[in-house]
Amino acid sequence: MGSSLDRRTAIRTSALGFLGLTYTFSSAKAGKAEPKMNTIPEHFPYIDPEIVSDVVGKSHFDLEAVKKLVDERPELARSAWDWRFGDFESAVGAASHVGRRDIALYLIGKGARPTIFTHAMLGQLEIVKATIESVPGIQRTMGPHGISLLDHAYAGEHMKDKMTSLEVENVQRTIEYLENLGDAGGEDYVTLSAGEQTKYLGDYMYGEKEHEGFSIKLNMRKLMALAPIGEFGGALYKSGDNKFFYNGSPSVQVTFDIENEIVKSLTLSEPGLSLKAEKVS
C-alpha cells in the first residue's frame, strides 16, 4: 500500500512540476494531498508580451537595458513585435533602422537573426550584394515601419564617431552601391509640408470610452503618425488626396473627410473593417 501510494505521489508531483506547480503530501491526513501553487504568469507558457515589447522597444536606443533582459533570457534576442496592422519588427531590426550597431551586434551574438536590412546598416556589402543578386528586386522590399533598405544603410553612419575607419568606409561603399541601383530607396510617396500636416493633427473618436479613438501626431521623422490615444503610432504615407497608407502596410488605408479645408473625420479601412472616427480636437 505504502509503495503504491508513494508511486502515485511521485507521478502526480512530476506532472504538476512540468506545469510549474508544486505538490506536497501530508501523511498525517491519511493520503489527502494539499496542492500548493506558485504564481503562474497570465500568458504562460508564452513569454509575457510586455517583456517582448520592452526588448524590441529598448533595442532602438538602450544597450544596457537590452543586456539586462537578454542576458537572463537569451531567447529574447529573437524577439519580434507587431506595432499594429502587421508592422512586424524584431529586436535586431529595431537596432538596424536606427543605426545602433552596438545593440545589433550584441543581439546577433546572443542568437538574433540578422536580415539584409541589418547587413546594410553594418556595411556588410558582400552579403547585401549576394542577396540582391540571388533574389533580384529584393532591394525594393521595405523594412519595419516602411523604412527602405537604403535608409538602413544611411543609418549605418549614425555611430561613425565610434566606428573604425574601415567600418565607416564599408558603410559608405554599401550606400554607394544601393544608391546606384536606383530603386533601393523605397516607395515614392507624396510629401507634405509642415503647414499641410497641421490640419490633420489632433484626436479622433469612434466610441464613447476614452481609449476608443486615435491621435494623429508627428513622429521623430517628422511624418504624420496614427496611434491609439496616448500611445506611439505608425507613420502615414500619403498615396492620394487625403489618403494615406499606414506604416507601409498596403492593405491599411486612412482617409480624411474635409469640408471647407477643415478636417471633420478619418476613416480607417483594412480587410473586413471600416471604422470612422470624428475629429474632436
C-alpha atoms as a PDB file:
ATOM      1  CA  MET A   1       0.000   0.000   0.000  1.00  0.00           C
ATOM      2  CA  GLY A   2       2.755   2.380   1.005  1.00  0.00           C
ATOM      3  CA  SER A   3       4.856   1.787  -2.103  1.00  0.00           C
ATOM      4  CA  SER A   4       1.802   2.176  -4.373  1.00  0.00           C
ATOM      5  CA  LEU A   5       0.869   5.461  -2.707  1.00  0.00           C
ATOM      6  CA  ASP A   6       4.429   6.748  -2.986  1.00  0.00           C
ATOM      7  CA  ARG A   7       4.455   5.920  -6.698  1.00  0.00           C
ATOM      8  CA  ARG A   8       1.189   7.773  -7.323  1.00  0.00           C
ATOM      9  CA  THR A   9       2.513  10.750  -5.394  1.00  0.00           C
ATOM     10  CA  ALA A  10       5.720  10.775  -7.433  1.00  0.00           C
ATOM     11  CA  ILE A  11       3.827  10.642 -10.721  1.00  0.00           C
ATOM     12  CA  ARG A  12       1.496  13.474  -9.753  1.00  0.00           C
ATOM     13  CA  THR A  13       4.398  15.558  -8.449  1.00  0.00           C
ATOM     14  CA  SER A  14       6.262  15.079 -11.731  1.00  0.00           C
ATOM     15  CA  ALA A  15       3.233  16.052 -13.836  1.00  0.00           C
ATOM     16  CA  LEU A  16       2.494  19.161 -11.800  1.00  0.00           C
ATOM     17  CA  GLY A  17       6.150  20.115 -11.833  1.00  0.00           C
ATOM     18  CA  PHE A  18       6.021  20.226 -15.635  1.00  0.00           C
ATOM     19  CA  LEU A  19       3.277  22.856 -15.346  1.00  0.00           C
ATOM     20  CA  GLY A  20       5.225  24.954 -12.886  1.00  0.00           C
ATOM     21  CA  LEU A  21       3.221  23.828  -9.843  1.00  0.00           C
ATOM     22  CA  THR A  22       4.359  22.306  -6.577  1.00  0.00           C
ATOM     23  CA  TYR A  23       2.569  19.439  -4.844  1.00  0.00           C
ATOM     24  CA  THR A  24       3.067  18.347  -1.263  1.00  0.00           C
ATOM     25  CA  PHE A  25       1.763  15.256   0.502  1.00  0.00           C
ATOM     26  CA  SER A  26       0.759  15.158   4.155  1.00  0.00           C
ATOM     27  CA  SER A  27       0.948  11.687   5.733  1.00  0.00           C
ATOM     28  CA  ALA A  28      -0.982  12.996   8.725  1.00  0.00           C
ATOM     29  CA  LYS A  29      -4.123  13.225   6.604  1.00  0.00           C
ATOM     30  CA  ALA A  30      -4.105   9.610   5.518  1.00  0.00           C
ATOM     31  CA  GLY A  31      -3.446  10.124   1.858  1.00  0.00           C
ATOM     32  CA  LYS A  32      -5.122  13.520   1.333  1.00  0.00           C
ATOM     33  CA  ALA A  33      -2.990  15.824  -0.803  1.00  0.00           C
ATOM     34  CA  GLU A  34      -2.513  19.528  -0.205  1.00  0.00           C
ATOM     35  CA  PRO A  35      -1.527  21.184  -3.520  1.00  0.00           C
ATOM     36  CA  LYS A  36       0.399  24.437  -3.365  1.00  0.00           C
ATOM     37  CA  MET A  37       0.521  26.558  -6.490  1.00  0.00           C
ATOM     38  CA  ASN A  38       3.217  29.023  -7.456  1.00  0.00           C
ATOM     39  CA  THR A  39       2.089  32.207  -9.158  1.00  0.00           C
ATOM     40  CA  ILE A  40       1.661  31.383 -12.841  1.00  0.00           C
ATOM     41  CA  PRO A  41       2.125  34.255 -15.327  1.00  0.00           C
ATOM     42  CA  GLU A  42      -1.016  35.324 -17.130  1.00  0.00           C
ATOM     43  CA  HIS A  43       0.327  34.367 -20.560  1.00  0.00           C
ATOM     44  CA  PHE A  44       2.073  31.132 -19.516  1.00  0.00           C
ATOM     45  CA  PRO A  45       3.526  29.208 -21.324  1.00  0.00           C
ATOM     46  CA  TYR A  46       4.175  32.200 -23.594  1.00  0.00           C
ATOM     47  CA  ILE A  47       6.609  34.957 -22.690  1.00  0.00           C
ATOM     48  CA  ASP A  48       4.785  37.990 -21.314  1.00  0.00           C
ATOM     49  CA  PRO A  49       4.056  40.267 -24.310  1.00  0.00           C
ATOM     50  CA  GLU A  50       5.107  43.284 -22.252  1.00  0.00           C
ATOM     51  CA  ILE A  51       8.612  41.813 -21.952  1.00  0.00           C
ATOM     52  CA  VAL A  52       8.790  41.193 -25.708  1.00  0.00           C
ATOM     53  CA  SER A  53       7.580  44.726 -26.405  1.00  0.00           C
ATOM     54  CA  ASP A  54      10.135  46.093 -23.935  1.00  0.00           C
ATOM     55  CA  VAL A  55      13.047  44.272 -25.592  1.00  0.00           C
ATOM     56  CA  VAL A  56      12.098  45.457 -29.078  1.00  0.00           C
ATOM     57  CA  GLY A  57      11.392  48.988 -27.884  1.00  0.00           C
ATOM     58  CA  LYS A  58      14.641  49.276 -25.907  1.00  0.00           C
ATOM     59  CA  SER A  59      16.612  47.869 -28.861  1.00  0.00           C
ATOM     60  CA  HIS A  60      16.137  51.233 -30.556  1.00  0.00           C
ATOM     61  CA  PHE A  61      18.284  53.081 -28.025  1.00  0.00           C
ATOM     62  CA  ASP A  62      19.271  51.373 -24.737  1.00  0.00           C
ATOM     63  CA  LEU A  63      22.027  48.748 -24.861  1.00  0.00           C
ATOM     64  CA  GLU A  64      22.284  48.270 -21.093  1.00  0.00           C
ATOM     65  CA  ALA A  65      18.544  47.713 -20.703  1.00  0.00           C
ATOM     66  CA  VAL A  66      18.607  45.195 -23.566  1.00  0.00           C
ATOM     67  CA  LYS A  67      21.529  43.354 -21.964  1.00  0.00           C
ATOM     68  CA  LYS A  68      19.714  43.153 -18.645  1.00  0.00           C
ATOM     69  CA  LEU A  69      16.742  41.474 -20.299  1.00  0.00           C
ATOM     70  CA  VAL A  70      18.553  39.270 -22.810  1.00  0.00           C
ATOM     71  CA  ASP A  71      21.415  38.089 -20.580  1.00  0.00           C
ATOM     72  CA  GLU A  72      18.807  36.499 -18.324  1.00  0.00           C
ATOM     73  CA  ARG A  73      16.780  35.043 -21.200  1.00  0.00           C
ATOM     74  CA  PRO A  74      18.943  34.803 -24.364  1.00  0.00           C
ATOM     75  CA  GLU A  75      15.950  33.677 -26.448  1.00  0.00           C
ATOM     76  CA  LEU A  76      14.672  37.257 -26.167  1.00  0.00           C
ATOM     77  CA  ALA A  77      17.380  38.218 -28.676  1.00  0.00           C
ATOM     78  CA  ARG A  78      14.967  36.822 -31.277  1.00  0.00           C
ATOM     79  CA  SER A  79      12.045  38.919 -30.034  1.00  0.00           C
ATOM     80  CA  ALA A  80       9.627  40.351 -32.595  1.00  0.00           C
ATOM     81  CA  TRP A  81       6.696  42.694 -32.077  1.00  0.00           C
ATOM     82  CA  ASP A  82       3.708  43.791 -34.148  1.00  0.00           C
ATOM     83  CA  TRP A  83       3.389  47.575 -33.919  1.00  0.00           C
ATOM     84  CA  ARG A  84      -0.174  47.213 -35.257  1.00  0.00           C
ATOM     85  CA  PHE A  85      -1.603  46.160 -38.602  1.00  0.00           C
ATOM     86  CA  GLY A  86       1.226  43.750 -39.385  1.00  0.00           C
ATOM     87  CA  ASP A  87       4.132  46.158 -38.889  1.00  0.00           C
ATOM     88  CA  PHE A  88       6.366  43.421 -37.514  1.00  0.00           C
ATOM     89  CA  GLU A  89       9.747  44.388 -36.117  1.00  0.00           C
ATOM     90  CA  SER A  90      12.411  42.264 -34.465  1.00  0.00           C
ATOM     91  CA  ALA A  91      14.784  43.490 -31.794  1.00  0.00           C
ATOM     92  CA  VAL A  92      17.727  43.376 -34.203  1.00  0.00           C
ATOM     93  CA  GLY A  93      15.515  45.060 -36.816  1.00  0.00           C
ATOM     94  CA  ALA A  94      14.868  47.903 -34.396  1.00  0.00           C
ATOM     95  CA  ALA A  95      18.570  48.408 -33.790  1.00  0.00           C
ATOM     96  CA  SER A  96      19.206  48.232 -37.539  1.00  0.00           C
ATOM     97  CA  HIS A  97      16.979  51.059 -38.738  1.00  0.00           C
ATOM     98  CA  VAL A  98      18.269  53.498 -36.094  1.00  0.00           C
ATOM     99  CA  GLY A  99      21.908  52.614 -36.698  1.00  0.00           C
ATOM    100  CA  ARG A 100      22.653  51.129 -33.274  1.00  0.00           C
ATOM    101  CA  ARG A 101      25.319  48.739 -34.485  1.00  0.00           C
ATOM    102  CA  ASP A 102      26.391  48.079 -30.882  1.00  0.00           C
ATOM    103  CA  ILE A 103      22.934  46.768 -29.977  1.00  0.00           C
ATOM    104  CA  ALA A 104      22.617  44.844 -33.250  1.00  0.00           C
ATOM    105  CA  LEU A 105      25.979  43.106 -32.788  1.00  0.00           C
ATOM    106  CA  TYR A 106      25.168  42.261 -29.179  1.00  0.00           C
ATOM    107  CA  LEU A 107      21.829  40.719 -30.180  1.00  0.00           C
ATOM    108  CA  ILE A 108      23.410  38.735 -33.022  1.00  0.00           C
ATOM    109  CA  GLY A 109      25.932  37.407 -30.522  1.00  0.00           C
ATOM    110  CA  LYS A 110      23.006  36.190 -28.428  1.00  0.00           C
ATOM    111  CA  GLY A 111      21.265  34.422 -31.313  1.00  0.00           C
ATOM    112  CA  ALA A 112      19.329  37.127 -33.161  1.00  0.00           C
ATOM    113  CA  ARG A 113      18.650  36.521 -36.857  1.00  0.00           C
ATOM    114  CA  PRO A 114      20.065  39.374 -38.978  1.00  0.00           C
ATOM    115  CA  THR A 115      18.370  40.296 -42.253  1.00  0.00           C
ATOM    116  CA  ILE A 116      19.508  42.184 -45.331  1.00  0.00           C
ATOM    117  CA  PHE A 117      18.492  45.384 -43.511  1.00  0.00           C
ATOM    118  CA  THR A 118      20.903  44.601 -40.674  1.00  0.00           C
ATOM    119  CA  HIS A 119      23.699  43.763 -43.110  1.00  0.00           C
ATOM    120  CA  ALA A 120      23.114  47.058 -44.949  1.00  0.00           C
ATOM    121  CA  MET A 121      23.331  49.047 -41.716  1.00  0.00           C
ATOM    122  CA  LEU A 122      26.532  47.237 -40.721  1.00  0.00           C
ATOM    123  CA  GLY A 123      28.098  47.928 -44.118  1.00  0.00           C
ATOM    124  CA  GLN A 124      28.425  44.248 -44.990  1.00  0.00           C
ATOM    125  CA  LEU A 125      28.400  44.959 -48.709  1.00  0.00           C
ATOM    126  CA  GLU A 126      29.275  41.496 -49.982  1.00  0.00           C
ATOM    127  CA  ILE A 127      26.327  39.948 -48.138  1.00  0.00           C
ATOM    128  CA  VAL A 128      23.983  42.673 -49.403  1.00  0.00           C
ATOM    129  CA  LYS A 129      25.203  42.250 -52.987  1.00  0.00           C
ATOM    130  CA  ALA A 130      24.979  38.462 -52.867  1.00  0.00           C
ATOM    131  CA  THR A 131      21.419  38.631 -51.525  1.00  0.00           C
ATOM    132  CA  ILE A 132      20.265  41.056 -54.205  1.00  0.00           C
ATOM    133  CA  GLU A 133      21.956  39.086 -56.967  1.00  0.00           C
ATOM    134  CA  SER A 134      20.329  35.867 -55.791  1.00  0.00           C
ATOM    135  CA  VAL A 135      16.904  37.449 -55.225  1.00  0.00           C
ATOM    136  CA  PRO A 136      16.545  40.204 -57.855  1.00  0.00           C
ATOM    137  CA  GLY A 137      14.270  43.016 -56.739  1.00  0.00           C
ATOM    138  CA  ILE A 138      14.594  42.337 -53.017  1.00  0.00           C
ATOM    139  CA  GLN A 139      16.198  45.783 -52.667  1.00  0.00           C
ATOM    140  CA  ARG A 140      12.710  47.250 -53.115  1.00  0.00           C
ATOM    141  CA  THR A 141      11.334  45.372 -50.119  1.00  0.00           C
ATOM    142  CA  MET A 142      10.517  47.687 -47.229  1.00  0.00           C
ATOM    143  CA  GLY A 143      11.678  47.071 -43.685  1.00  0.00           C
ATOM    144  CA  PRO A 144       9.867  47.740 -40.404  1.00  0.00           C
ATOM    145  CA  HIS A 145       7.755  50.923 -40.400  1.00  0.00           C
ATOM    146  CA  GLY A 146       8.072  51.131 -44.188  1.00  0.00           C
ATOM    147  CA  ILE A 147      11.771  52.112 -43.955  1.00  0.00           C
ATOM    148  CA  SER A 148      13.772  51.339 -47.068  1.00  0.00           C
ATOM    149  CA  LEU A 149      16.941  49.300 -47.465  1.00  0.00           C
ATOM    150  CA  LEU A 150      18.870  52.414 -48.487  1.00  0.00           C
ATOM    151  CA  ASP A 151      17.714  54.260 -45.369  1.00  0.00           C
ATOM    152  CA  HIS A 152      19.053  51.381 -43.261  1.00  0.00           C
ATOM    153  CA  ALA A 153      22.422  51.863 -44.939  1.00  0.00           C
ATOM    154  CA  TYR A 154      22.302  55.597 -44.208  1.00  0.00           C
ATOM    155  CA  ALA A 155      21.552  54.724 -40.572  1.00  0.00           C
ATOM    156  CA  GLY A 156      24.840  52.831 -40.509  1.00  0.00           C
ATOM    157  CA  GLU A 157      26.656  56.174 -40.278  1.00  0.00           C
ATOM    158  CA  HIS A 158      24.875  57.250 -37.085  1.00  0.00           C
ATOM    159  CA  MET A 159      27.653  55.861 -34.876  1.00  0.00           C
ATOM    160  CA  LYS A 160      30.569  56.760 -37.130  1.00  0.00           C
ATOM    161  CA  ASP A 161      32.287  58.639 -34.309  1.00  0.00           C
ATOM    162  CA  LYS A 162      32.640  55.299 -32.524  1.00  0.00           C
ATOM    163  CA  MET A 163      33.481  53.246 -35.605  1.00  0.00           C
ATOM    164  CA  THR A 164      36.824  52.376 -37.143  1.00  0.00           C
ATOM    165  CA  SER A 165      37.791  53.981 -40.426  1.00  0.00           C
ATOM    166  CA  LEU A 166      37.292  50.620 -42.159  1.00  0.00           C
ATOM    167  CA  GLU A 167      33.769  50.259 -40.718  1.00  0.00           C
ATOM    168  CA  VAL A 168      32.869  53.749 -41.923  1.00  0.00           C
ATOM    169  CA  GLU A 169      34.307  53.005 -45.365  1.00  0.00           C
ATOM    170  CA  ASN A 170      32.307  49.771 -45.610  1.00  0.00           C
ATOM    171  CA  VAL A 171      29.070  51.581 -44.795  1.00  0.00           C
ATOM    172  CA  GLN A 172      29.813  54.280 -47.360  1.00  0.00           C
ATOM    173  CA  ARG A 173      30.536  51.670 -50.022  1.00  0.00           C
ATOM    174  CA  THR A 174      27.246  49.970 -49.216  1.00  0.00           C
ATOM    175  CA  ILE A 175      25.394  53.279 -49.508  1.00  0.00           C
ATOM    176  CA  GLU A 176      27.027  53.978 -52.877  1.00  0.00           C
ATOM    177  CA  TYR A 177      26.107  50.526 -54.181  1.00  0.00           C
ATOM    178  CA  LEU A 178      22.463  50.846 -53.120  1.00  0.00           C
ATOM    179  CA  GLU A 179      22.182  54.393 -54.465  1.00  0.00           C
ATOM    180  CA  ASN A 180      23.455  53.218 -57.835  1.00  0.00           C
ATOM    181  CA  LEU A 181      20.740  50.551 -58.011  1.00  0.00           C
ATOM    182  CA  GLY A 182      18.234  53.364 -58.271  1.00  0.00           C
ATOM    183  CA  ASP A 183      15.353  51.546 -56.583  1.00  0.00           C
ATOM    184  CA  ALA A 184      16.543  50.723 -53.056  1.00  0.00           C
ATOM    185  CA  GLY A 185      15.127  53.920 -51.587  1.00  0.00           C
ATOM    186  CA  GLY A 186      11.570  52.703 -51.189  1.00  0.00           C
ATOM    187  CA  GLU A 187       8.239  53.930 -52.465  1.00  0.00           C
ATOM    188  CA  ASP A 188       7.818  57.462 -53.801  1.00  0.00           C
ATOM    189  CA  TYR A 189       5.092  58.806 -51.549  1.00  0.00           C
ATOM    190  CA  VAL A 190       3.689  62.325 -51.747  1.00  0.00           C
ATOM    191  CA  THR A 191       5.419  64.589 -49.237  1.00  0.00           C
ATOM    192  CA  LEU A 192       3.598  67.116 -47.067  1.00  0.00           C
ATOM    193  CA  SER A 193       4.930  70.413 -45.772  1.00  0.00           C
ATOM    194  CA  ALA A 194       4.704  71.223 -42.075  1.00  0.00           C
ATOM    195  CA  GLY A 195       1.851  73.597 -42.845  1.00  0.00           C
ATOM    196  CA  GLU A 196      -0.083  70.953 -44.765  1.00  0.00           C
ATOM    197  CA  GLN A 197       0.311  68.448 -41.936  1.00  0.00           C
ATOM    198  CA  THR A 198      -1.156  70.771 -39.310  1.00  0.00           C
ATOM    199  CA  LYS A 199      -4.799  70.425 -40.331  1.00  0.00           C
ATOM    200  CA  TYR A 200      -4.735  66.651 -39.821  1.00  0.00           C
ATOM    201  CA  LEU A 201      -3.184  66.680 -36.352  1.00  0.00           C
ATOM    202  CA  GLY A 202      -5.411  66.044 -33.341  1.00  0.00           C
ATOM    203  CA  ASP A 203      -7.620  63.446 -31.658  1.00  0.00           C
ATOM    204  CA  TYR A 204     -10.364  61.430 -33.351  1.00  0.00           C
ATOM    205  CA  MET A 205     -13.012  59.388 -31.522  1.00  0.00           C
ATOM    206  CA  TYR A 206     -15.009  56.395 -32.763  1.00  0.00           C
ATOM    207  CA  GLY A 207     -16.582  55.399 -29.418  1.00  0.00           C
ATOM    208  CA  GLU A 208     -17.671  56.821 -26.086  1.00  0.00           C
ATOM    209  CA  LYS A 209     -14.854  55.376 -23.951  1.00  0.00           C
ATOM    210  CA  GLU A 210     -11.725  57.488 -23.539  1.00  0.00           C
ATOM    211  CA  HIS A 211      -9.487  54.919 -25.260  1.00  0.00           C
ATOM    212  CA  GLU A 212     -11.791  54.481 -28.269  1.00  0.00           C
ATOM    213  CA  GLY A 213     -10.033  56.859 -30.558  1.00  0.00           C
ATOM    214  CA  PHE A 214      -6.876  57.792 -32.450  1.00  0.00           C
ATOM    215  CA  SER A 215      -4.304  60.544 -32.227  1.00  0.00           C
ATOM    216  CA  ILE A 216      -2.584  61.984 -35.272  1.00  0.00           C
ATOM    217  CA  LYS A 217       0.802  63.411 -34.303  1.00  0.00           C
ATOM    218  CA  LEU A 218       4.231  63.932 -35.811  1.00  0.00           C
ATOM    219  CA  ASN A 219       6.817  61.227 -35.154  1.00  0.00           C
ATOM    220  CA  MET A 220      10.588  61.520 -34.770  1.00  0.00           C
ATOM    221  CA  ARG A 221      10.986  61.564 -38.558  1.00  0.00           C
ATOM    222  CA  LYS A 222       8.529  64.481 -38.813  1.00  0.00           C
ATOM    223  CA  LEU A 223       5.981  62.269 -40.508  1.00  0.00           C
ATOM    224  CA  MET A 224       2.322  62.147 -39.555  1.00  0.00           C
ATOM    225  CA  ALA A 225       1.622  59.120 -37.382  1.00  0.00           C
ATOM    226  CA  LEU A 226      -1.564  57.403 -36.230  1.00  0.00           C
ATOM    227  CA  ALA A 227      -1.903  55.702 -32.844  1.00  0.00           C
ATOM    228  CA  PRO A 228      -4.487  54.831 -30.229  1.00  0.00           C
ATOM    229  CA  ILE A 229      -4.886  57.827 -27.943  1.00  0.00           C
ATOM    230  CA  GLY A 230      -1.945  58.148 -25.573  1.00  0.00           C
ATOM    231  CA  GLU A 231       0.306  55.675 -27.392  1.00  0.00           C
ATOM    232  CA  PHE A 232       3.052  55.629 -30.027  1.00  0.00           C
ATOM    233  CA  GLY A 233       1.934  55.305 -33.617  1.00  0.00           C
ATOM    234  CA  GLY A 234       2.962  54.325 -37.106  1.00  0.00           C
ATOM    235  CA  ALA A 235       3.750  56.709 -39.931  1.00  0.00           C
ATOM    236  CA  LEU A 236       1.153  57.680 -42.505  1.00  0.00           C
ATOM    237  CA  TYR A 237       2.404  57.775 -46.093  1.00  0.00           C
ATOM    238  CA  LYS A 238       0.316  59.854 -48.483  1.00  0.00           C
ATOM    239  CA  SER A 239      -0.946  57.956 -51.508  1.00  0.00           C
ATOM    240  CA  GLY A 240      -3.550  60.406 -52.889  1.00  0.00           C
ATOM    241  CA  ASP A 241      -5.875  63.271 -51.996  1.00  0.00           C
ATOM    242  CA  ASN A 242      -6.330  62.987 -48.220  1.00  0.00           C
ATOM    243  CA  LYS A 243      -5.467  59.286 -48.452  1.00  0.00           C
ATOM    244  CA  PHE A 244      -2.638  57.573 -46.608  1.00  0.00           C
ATOM    245  CA  PHE A 245      -1.204  54.096 -46.078  1.00  0.00           C
ATOM    246  CA  TYR A 246      -0.326  53.048 -42.531  1.00  0.00           C
ATOM    247  CA  ASN A 247       3.384  52.382 -41.973  1.00  0.00           C
ATOM    248  CA  GLY A 248       3.921  50.770 -45.336  1.00  0.00           C
ATOM    249  CA  SER A 249       1.069  48.269 -44.835  1.00  0.00           C
ATOM    250  CA  PRO A 250      -0.611  48.222 -48.271  1.00  0.00           C
ATOM    251  CA  SER A 251      -3.973  46.900 -47.042  1.00  0.00           C
ATOM    252  CA  VAL A 252      -4.459  49.531 -44.313  1.00  0.00           C
ATOM    253  CA  GLN A 253      -5.676  52.909 -45.552  1.00  0.00           C
ATOM    254  CA  VAL A 254      -6.581  56.087 -43.681  1.00  0.00           C
ATOM    255  CA  THR A 255      -8.821  58.606 -45.463  1.00  0.00           C
ATOM    256  CA  PHE A 256      -9.665  62.053 -44.105  1.00  0.00           C
ATOM    257  CA  ASP A 257     -13.020  63.770 -44.712  1.00  0.00           C
ATOM    258  CA  ILE A 258     -12.563  67.516 -45.283  1.00  0.00           C
ATOM    259  CA  GLU A 259     -15.108  70.290 -45.566  1.00  0.00           C
ATOM    260  CA  ASN A 260     -14.050  73.864 -46.370  1.00  0.00           C
ATOM    261  CA  GLU A 261     -10.424  72.972 -45.691  1.00  0.00           C
ATOM    262  CA  ILE A 262     -11.318  71.692 -42.201  1.00  0.00           C
ATOM    263  CA  VAL A 263     -10.788  68.025 -41.301  1.00  0.00           C
ATOM    264  CA  LYS A 264     -14.012  66.538 -39.900  1.00  0.00           C
ATOM    265  CA  SER A 265     -13.189  62.850 -39.523  1.00  0.00           C
ATOM    266  CA  LEU A 266     -10.998  59.977 -40.620  1.00  0.00           C
ATOM    267  CA  THR A 267     -11.888  56.512 -41.806  1.00  0.00           C
ATOM    268  CA  LEU A 268      -9.501  53.633 -41.196  1.00  0.00           C
ATOM    269  CA  SER A 269     -10.017  50.733 -43.576  1.00  0.00           C
ATOM    270  CA  GLU A 270      -8.480  47.281 -43.599  1.00  0.00           C
ATOM    271  CA  PRO A 271      -9.793  43.967 -44.978  1.00  0.00           C
ATOM    272  CA  GLY A 272     -13.120  43.293 -43.270  1.00  0.00           C
ATOM    273  CA  LEU A 273     -13.273  46.574 -41.341  1.00  0.00           C
ATOM    274  CA  SER A 274     -14.066  50.231 -41.978  1.00  0.00           C
ATOM    275  CA  LEU A 275     -14.003  52.459 -38.899  1.00  0.00           C
ATOM    276  CA  LYS A 276     -14.963  56.154 -38.873  1.00  0.00           C
ATOM    277  CA  ALA A 277     -13.661  58.478 -36.146  1.00  0.00           C
ATOM    278  CA  GLU A 278     -14.833  62.080 -35.647  1.00  0.00           C
ATOM    279  CA  LYS A 279     -12.208  64.786 -35.063  1.00  0.00           C
ATOM    280  CA  VAL A 280     -12.627  66.214 -31.545  1.00  0.00           C
ATOM    281  CA  SER A 281      -9.523  68.359 -31.125  1.00  0.00           C
END
